[in-house]
Amino acid sequence: MDAFSYLSVLISIVVGLALAHLLAGFAAMVRARASVRAYWPLAAQMALMFLIQVQLWWALFSLREVRYWSFPEFLVVLMQAVLVYLATAFLVPKVRAGEHIDLKECYFREAHWYFGALLLAVLDSLAKNLVLFGHFQNMEDLAGHAAFVAIVVAGLASRHESVHKIIAVLGLLVFGAYIALLFVRLPH
């Protein structure tokens, strides 16, 4: 087994746990729909987290060409997955059968933690390129990160519902474009 195969197992487990948490939370909301007051920006942010988790795992494959790993290099890659897991855990509310839940209230109660973890994940993504390769990936990747930082900072700084509705849609559009431009195919 090469180093990448060995190290990617733990990262894949963390990303898999994040995905499982997101899907289980969605299923719990569907099952308890009679007692859940829906809030579409939360659903949009959950869809965004799904895309982030899948893209993170997808992009991990490009690291297979790194032959020699140090602990700091591995840690910066692992931390991105950990921060995405934490953002997911802060975003997805705990839904208990028979308990009435207002998803808008849940969303705003945890918004600072969610956007804080997401901001750290984006910054860690930038740091990963610097630590592993000594430079940013390319200008398109850097522009995508900058746009996403702006969206996340807006979510972190504002408590206005209208801002959160705009960034819910904008986040999906920007991240969708980012994937379309840079990650449609696995690298050879």
C-alpha atoms as a PDB file:
ATOM      1  CA  MET A   1       0.000   0.000   0.000  1.00  0.00           C
ATOM      2  CA  ASP A   2       1.427   3.405  -0.941  1.00  0.00           C
ATOM      3  CA  ALA A   3       1.390   6.404   1.409  1.00  0.00           C
ATOM      4  CA  PHE A   4      -1.542   8.110  -0.317  1.00  0.00           C
ATOM      5  CA  SER A   5      -3.736   5.012  -0.082  1.00  0.00           C
ATOM      6  CA  TYR A   6      -2.925   4.653   3.592  1.00  0.00           C
ATOM      7  CA  LEU A   7      -3.475   8.307   4.494  1.00  0.00           C
ATOM      8  CA  SER A   8      -6.590   8.795   2.353  1.00  0.00           C
ATOM      9  CA  VAL A   9      -8.468   6.139   4.332  1.00  0.00           C
ATOM     10  CA  LEU A  10      -8.823   8.354   7.419  1.00  0.00           C
ATOM     11  CA  ILE A  11      -9.794  11.387   5.344  1.00  0.00           C
ATOM     12  CA  SER A  12     -12.387   9.305   3.475  1.00  0.00           C
ATOM     13  CA  ILE A  13     -13.822   8.097   6.775  1.00  0.00           C
ATOM     14  CA  VAL A  14     -14.220  11.671   8.067  1.00  0.00           C
ATOM     15  CA  VAL A  15     -15.843  12.813   4.805  1.00  0.00           C
ATOM     16  CA  GLY A  16     -18.070   9.718   4.869  1.00  0.00           C
ATOM     17  CA  LEU A  17     -19.165  10.525   8.426  1.00  0.00           C
ATOM     18  CA  ALA A  18     -20.008  14.087   7.365  1.00  0.00           C
ATOM     19  CA  LEU A  19     -22.058  12.785   4.456  1.00  0.00           C
ATOM     20  CA  ALA A  20     -23.815  10.241   6.681  1.00  0.00           C
ATOM     21  CA  HIS A  21     -24.632  12.960   9.239  1.00  0.00           C
ATOM     22  CA  LEU A  22     -26.064  15.205   6.519  1.00  0.00           C
ATOM     23  CA  LEU A  23     -28.190  12.458   4.956  1.00  0.00           C
ATOM     24  CA  ALA A  24     -29.403  11.130   8.316  1.00  0.00           C
ATOM     25  CA  GLY A  25     -30.401  14.661   9.332  1.00  0.00           C
ATOM     26  CA  PHE A  26     -32.301  15.170   6.094  1.00  0.00           C
ATOM     27  CA  ALA A  27     -34.079  11.825   6.511  1.00  0.00           C
ATOM     28  CA  ALA A  28     -35.021  12.714  10.102  1.00  0.00           C
ATOM     29  CA  MET A  29     -36.526  16.016   8.901  1.00  0.00           C
ATOM     30  CA  VAL A  30     -38.535  14.220   6.237  1.00  0.00           C
ATOM     31  CA  ARG A  31     -39.821  11.642   8.726  1.00  0.00           C
ATOM     32  CA  ALA A  32     -40.780  14.351  11.232  1.00  0.00           C
ATOM     33  CA  ARG A  33     -42.164  16.733   8.587  1.00  0.00           C
ATOM     34  CA  ALA A  34     -45.519  17.078  10.385  1.00  0.00           C
ATOM     35  CA  SER A  35     -43.767  18.733  13.329  1.00  0.00           C
ATOM     36  CA  VAL A  36     -41.010  20.563  11.414  1.00  0.00           C
ATOM     37  CA  ARG A  37     -41.373  24.181  10.316  1.00  0.00           C
ATOM     38  CA  ALA A  38     -39.339  24.263   7.100  1.00  0.00           C
ATOM     39  CA  TYR A  39     -36.805  26.949   6.193  1.00  0.00           C
ATOM     40  CA  TRP A  40     -35.493  26.827   2.627  1.00  0.00           C
ATOM     41  CA  PRO A  41     -32.132  28.576   3.252  1.00  0.00           C
ATOM     42  CA  LEU A  42     -31.245  25.721   5.605  1.00  0.00           C
ATOM     43  CA  ALA A  43     -32.145  23.222   2.875  1.00  0.00           C
ATOM     44  CA  ALA A  44     -30.006  25.178   0.381  1.00  0.00           C
ATOM     45  CA  GLN A  45     -27.066  25.185   2.810  1.00  0.00           C
ATOM     46  CA  MET A  46     -27.507  21.433   3.296  1.00  0.00           C
ATOM     47  CA  ALA A  47     -27.396  20.980  -0.489  1.00  0.00           C
ATOM     48  CA  LEU A  48     -24.238  23.097  -0.556  1.00  0.00           C
ATOM     49  CA  MET A  49     -22.655  20.945   2.149  1.00  0.00           C
ATOM     50  CA  PHE A  50     -23.485  17.855   0.099  1.00  0.00           C
ATOM     51  CA  LEU A  51     -21.636  19.358  -2.883  1.00  0.00           C
ATOM     52  CA  ILE A  52     -18.701  20.406  -0.702  1.00  0.00           C
ATOM     53  CA  GLN A  53     -18.380  16.924   0.792  1.00  0.00           C
ATOM     54  CA  VAL A  54     -18.506  15.192  -2.590  1.00  0.00           C
ATOM     55  CA  GLN A  55     -16.072  17.686  -4.153  1.00  0.00           C
ATOM     56  CA  LEU A  56     -13.669  17.313  -1.227  1.00  0.00           C
ATOM     57  CA  TRP A  57     -13.591  13.549  -1.659  1.00  0.00           C
ATOM     58  CA  TRP A  58     -13.353  13.904  -5.457  1.00  0.00           C
ATOM     59  CA  ALA A  59     -10.432  16.366  -5.243  1.00  0.00           C
ATOM     60  CA  LEU A  60      -8.618  14.097  -2.779  1.00  0.00           C
ATOM     61  CA  PHE A  61      -7.762  11.839  -5.714  1.00  0.00           C
ATOM     62  CA  SER A  62      -5.484  14.531  -7.156  1.00  0.00           C
ATOM     63  CA  LEU A  63      -3.217  14.134  -4.127  1.00  0.00           C
ATOM     64  CA  ARG A  64      -2.290  10.593  -5.135  1.00  0.00           C
ATOM     65  CA  GLU A  65       0.778  11.954  -6.920  1.00  0.00           C
ATOM     66  CA  VAL A  66       2.271  13.274  -3.673  1.00  0.00           C
ATOM     67  CA  ARG A  67       4.895  10.611  -2.958  1.00  0.00           C
ATOM     68  CA  TYR A  68       6.357  11.780   0.332  1.00  0.00           C
ATOM     69  CA  TRP A  69       4.186  13.004   3.144  1.00  0.00           C
ATOM     70  CA  SER A  70       5.074  14.828   6.337  1.00  0.00           C
ATOM     71  CA  PHE A  71       2.822  15.011   9.367  1.00  0.00           C
ATOM     72  CA  PRO A  72       2.026  18.751   8.811  1.00  0.00           C
ATOM     73  CA  GLU A  73       1.067  18.025   5.178  1.00  0.00           C
ATOM     74  CA  PHE A  74      -1.234  15.220   6.237  1.00  0.00           C
ATOM     75  CA  LEU A  75      -2.684  17.293   9.079  1.00  0.00           C
ATOM     76  CA  VAL A  76      -3.605  20.233   6.806  1.00  0.00           C
ATOM     77  CA  VAL A  77      -5.399  17.837   4.423  1.00  0.00           C
ATOM     78  CA  LEU A  78      -7.156  16.022   7.280  1.00  0.00           C
ATOM     79  CA  MET A  79      -8.221  19.317   8.897  1.00  0.00           C
ATOM     80  CA  GLN A  80     -10.175  20.308   5.792  1.00  0.00           C
ATOM     81  CA  ALA A  81     -12.286  17.164   6.143  1.00  0.00           C
ATOM     82  CA  VAL A  82     -12.628  17.699   9.906  1.00  0.00           C
ATOM     83  CA  LEU A  83     -13.797  21.294   9.421  1.00  0.00           C
ATOM     84  CA  VAL A  84     -16.311  20.240   6.759  1.00  0.00           C
ATOM     85  CA  TYR A  85     -17.617  17.616   9.186  1.00  0.00           C
ATOM     86  CA  LEU A  86     -17.959  20.236  11.930  1.00  0.00           C
ATOM     87  CA  ALA A  87     -19.729  22.687   9.603  1.00  0.00           C
ATOM     88  CA  THR A  88     -22.173  19.909   8.740  1.00  0.00           C
ATOM     89  CA  ALA A  89     -22.699  19.016  12.407  1.00  0.00           C
ATOM     90  CA  PHE A  90     -23.421  22.672  13.265  1.00  0.00           C
ATOM     91  CA  LEU A  91     -25.781  23.097  10.306  1.00  0.00           C
ATOM     92  CA  VAL A  92     -27.939  19.977  10.600  1.00  0.00           C
ATOM     93  CA  PRO A  93     -30.322  20.245  13.560  1.00  0.00           C
ATOM     94  CA  LYS A  94     -31.138  17.350  15.824  1.00  0.00           C
ATOM     95  CA  VAL A  95     -34.706  16.284  15.054  1.00  0.00           C
ATOM     96  CA  ARG A  96     -36.534  14.146  17.587  1.00  0.00           C
ATOM     97  CA  ALA A  97     -39.747  12.350  16.716  1.00  0.00           C
ATOM     98  CA  GLY A  98     -42.830  14.181  17.981  1.00  0.00           C
ATOM     99  CA  GLU A  99     -40.902  17.323  18.969  1.00  0.00           C
ATOM    100  CA  HIS A 100     -41.844  20.547  17.168  1.00  0.00           C
ATOM    101  CA  ILE A 101     -38.849  22.217  15.564  1.00  0.00           C
ATOM    102  CA  ASP A 102     -38.446  25.552  13.784  1.00  0.00           C
ATOM    103  CA  LEU A 103     -35.627  25.166  11.258  1.00  0.00           C
ATOM    104  CA  LYS A 104     -35.227  28.939  10.896  1.00  0.00           C
ATOM    105  CA  GLU A 105     -34.562  29.274  14.628  1.00  0.00           C
ATOM    106  CA  CYS A 106     -32.146  26.312  14.509  1.00  0.00           C
ATOM    107  CA  TYR A 107     -30.317  27.788  11.533  1.00  0.00           C
ATOM    108  CA  PHE A 108     -29.747  31.203  13.100  1.00  0.00           C
ATOM    109  CA  ARG A 109     -28.849  29.719  16.495  1.00  0.00           C
ATOM    110  CA  GLU A 110     -25.911  27.850  14.911  1.00  0.00           C
ATOM    111  CA  ALA A 111     -25.109  30.176  11.966  1.00  0.00           C
ATOM    112  CA  HIS A 112     -21.950  31.644  13.537  1.00  0.00           C
ATOM    113  CA  TRP A 113     -20.536  28.194  14.275  1.00  0.00           C
ATOM    114  CA  TYR A 114     -21.491  26.877  10.836  1.00  0.00           C
ATOM    115  CA  PHE A 115     -20.026  29.786   8.878  1.00  0.00           C
ATOM    116  CA  GLY A 116     -16.994  29.912  11.165  1.00  0.00           C
ATOM    117  CA  ALA A 117     -16.178  26.254  10.490  1.00  0.00           C
ATOM    118  CA  LEU A 118     -16.844  26.749   6.784  1.00  0.00           C
ATOM    119  CA  LEU A 119     -14.513  29.777   6.668  1.00  0.00           C
ATOM    120  CA  LEU A 120     -11.762  27.782   8.369  1.00  0.00           C
ATOM    121  CA  ALA A 121     -12.311  24.932   5.871  1.00  0.00           C
ATOM    122  CA  VAL A 122     -11.893  27.317   2.923  1.00  0.00           C
ATOM    123  CA  LEU A 123      -8.774  28.876   4.449  1.00  0.00           C
ATOM    124  CA  ASP A 124      -7.410  25.388   5.153  1.00  0.00           C
ATOM    125  CA  SER A 125      -8.025  24.504   1.508  1.00  0.00           C
ATOM    126  CA  LEU A 126      -5.822  27.440   0.486  1.00  0.00           C
ATOM    127  CA  ALA A 127      -3.206  26.469   3.066  1.00  0.00           C
ATOM    128  CA  LYS A 128      -3.228  22.899   1.746  1.00  0.00           C
ATOM    129  CA  ASN A 129      -2.003  24.047  -1.666  1.00  0.00           C
ATOM    130  CA  LEU A 130       0.731  26.159  -0.096  1.00  0.00           C
ATOM    131  CA  VAL A 131       1.882  23.431   2.296  1.00  0.00           C
ATOM    132  CA  LEU A 132       1.843  20.627  -0.272  1.00  0.00           C
ATOM    133  CA  PHE A 133       2.966  22.437  -3.403  1.00  0.00           C
ATOM    134  CA  GLY A 134       4.384  25.793  -2.283  1.00  0.00           C
ATOM    135  CA  HIS A 135       1.906  27.798  -4.368  1.00  0.00           C
ATOM    136  CA  PHE A 136      -1.786  28.236  -5.077  1.00  0.00           C
ATOM    137  CA  GLN A 137      -3.268  25.803  -7.602  1.00  0.00           C
ATOM    138  CA  ASN A 138      -4.115  28.394 -10.288  1.00  0.00           C
ATOM    139  CA  MET A 139      -5.896  31.721 -10.679  1.00  0.00           C
ATOM    140  CA  GLU A 140      -9.312  30.137 -11.270  1.00  0.00           C
ATOM    141  CA  ASP A 141      -9.005  28.133  -8.048  1.00  0.00           C
ATOM    142  CA  LEU A 142      -7.853  31.213  -6.145  1.00  0.00           C
ATOM    143  CA  ALA A 143     -10.775  33.259  -7.540  1.00  0.00           C
ATOM    144  CA  GLY A 144     -13.209  30.523  -6.499  1.00  0.00           C
ATOM    145  CA  HIS A 145     -11.781  30.494  -2.986  1.00  0.00           C
ATOM    146  CA  ALA A 146     -11.953  34.302  -2.772  1.00  0.00           C
ATOM    147  CA  ALA A 147     -15.593  34.340  -3.900  1.00  0.00           C
ATOM    148  CA  PHE A 148     -16.495  31.651  -1.416  1.00  0.00           C
ATOM    149  CA  VAL A 149     -14.660  33.458   1.419  1.00  0.00           C
ATOM    150  CA  ALA A 150     -16.732  36.577   0.650  1.00  0.00           C
ATOM    151  CA  ILE A 151     -19.977  34.584   0.796  1.00  0.00           C
ATOM    152  CA  VAL A 152     -19.007  32.834   4.020  1.00  0.00           C
ATOM    153  CA  VAL A 153     -17.874  36.080   5.682  1.00  0.00           C
ATOM    154  CA  ALA A 154     -21.241  37.640   4.757  1.00  0.00           C
ATOM    155  CA  GLY A 155     -22.979  34.722   6.449  1.00  0.00           C
ATOM    156  CA  LEU A 156     -20.745  35.049   9.479  1.00  0.00           C
ATOM    157  CA  ALA A 157     -21.135  38.827   9.780  1.00  0.00           C
ATOM    158  CA  SER A 158     -24.851  39.233   9.124  1.00  0.00           C
ATOM    159  CA  ARG A 159     -27.920  38.135  11.038  1.00  0.00           C
ATOM    160  CA  HIS A 160     -30.299  39.587   8.428  1.00  0.00           C
ATOM    161  CA  GLU A 161     -32.564  36.962   6.945  1.00  0.00           C
ATOM    162  CA  SER A 162     -32.445  38.577   3.490  1.00  0.00           C
ATOM    163  CA  VAL A 163     -28.635  38.275   3.436  1.00  0.00           C
ATOM    164  CA  HIS A 164     -28.856  34.594   4.354  1.00  0.00           C
ATOM    165  CA  LYS A 165     -31.403  33.964   1.617  1.00  0.00           C
ATOM    166  CA  ILE A 166     -29.117  35.614  -0.945  1.00  0.00           C
ATOM    167  CA  ILE A 167     -25.992  33.760   0.173  1.00  0.00           C
ATOM    168  CA  ALA A 168     -27.870  30.441   0.240  1.00  0.00           C
ATOM    169  CA  VAL A 169     -28.540  30.763  -3.482  1.00  0.00           C
ATOM    170  CA  LEU A 170     -25.240  32.468  -4.275  1.00  0.00           C
ATOM    171  CA  GLY A 171     -23.249  29.798  -2.430  1.00  0.00           C
ATOM    172  CA  LEU A 172     -24.821  27.051  -4.528  1.00  0.00           C
ATOM    173  CA  LEU A 173     -24.244  28.977  -7.761  1.00  0.00           C
ATOM    174  CA  VAL A 174     -20.626  29.886  -6.992  1.00  0.00           C
ATOM    175  CA  PHE A 175     -19.698  26.432  -5.763  1.00  0.00           C
ATOM    176  CA  GLY A 176     -21.491  24.806  -8.710  1.00  0.00           C
ATOM    177  CA  ALA A 177     -19.532  27.010 -11.119  1.00  0.00           C
ATOM    178  CA  TYR A 178     -16.311  26.228  -9.226  1.00  0.00           C
ATOM    179  CA  ILE A 179     -16.895  22.504  -9.659  1.00  0.00           C
ATOM    180  CA  ALA A 180     -17.885  22.921 -13.320  1.00  0.00           C
ATOM    181  CA  LEU A 181     -14.727  24.898 -14.107  1.00  0.00           C
ATOM    182  CA  LEU A 182     -12.161  22.902 -12.147  1.00  0.00           C
ATOM    183  CA  PHE A 183     -13.432  19.478 -11.111  1.00  0.00           C
ATOM    184  CA  VAL A 184     -15.639  17.947 -13.821  1.00  0.00           C
ATOM    185  CA  ARG A 185     -13.127  15.165 -14.539  1.00  0.00           C
ATOM    186  CA  LEU A 186     -10.736  13.307 -12.316  1.00  0.00           C
ATOM    187  CA  PRO A 187      -7.124  14.149 -13.110  1.00  0.00           C
ATOM    188  CA  HIS A 188      -5.242  11.503 -15.080  1.00  0.00           C
END
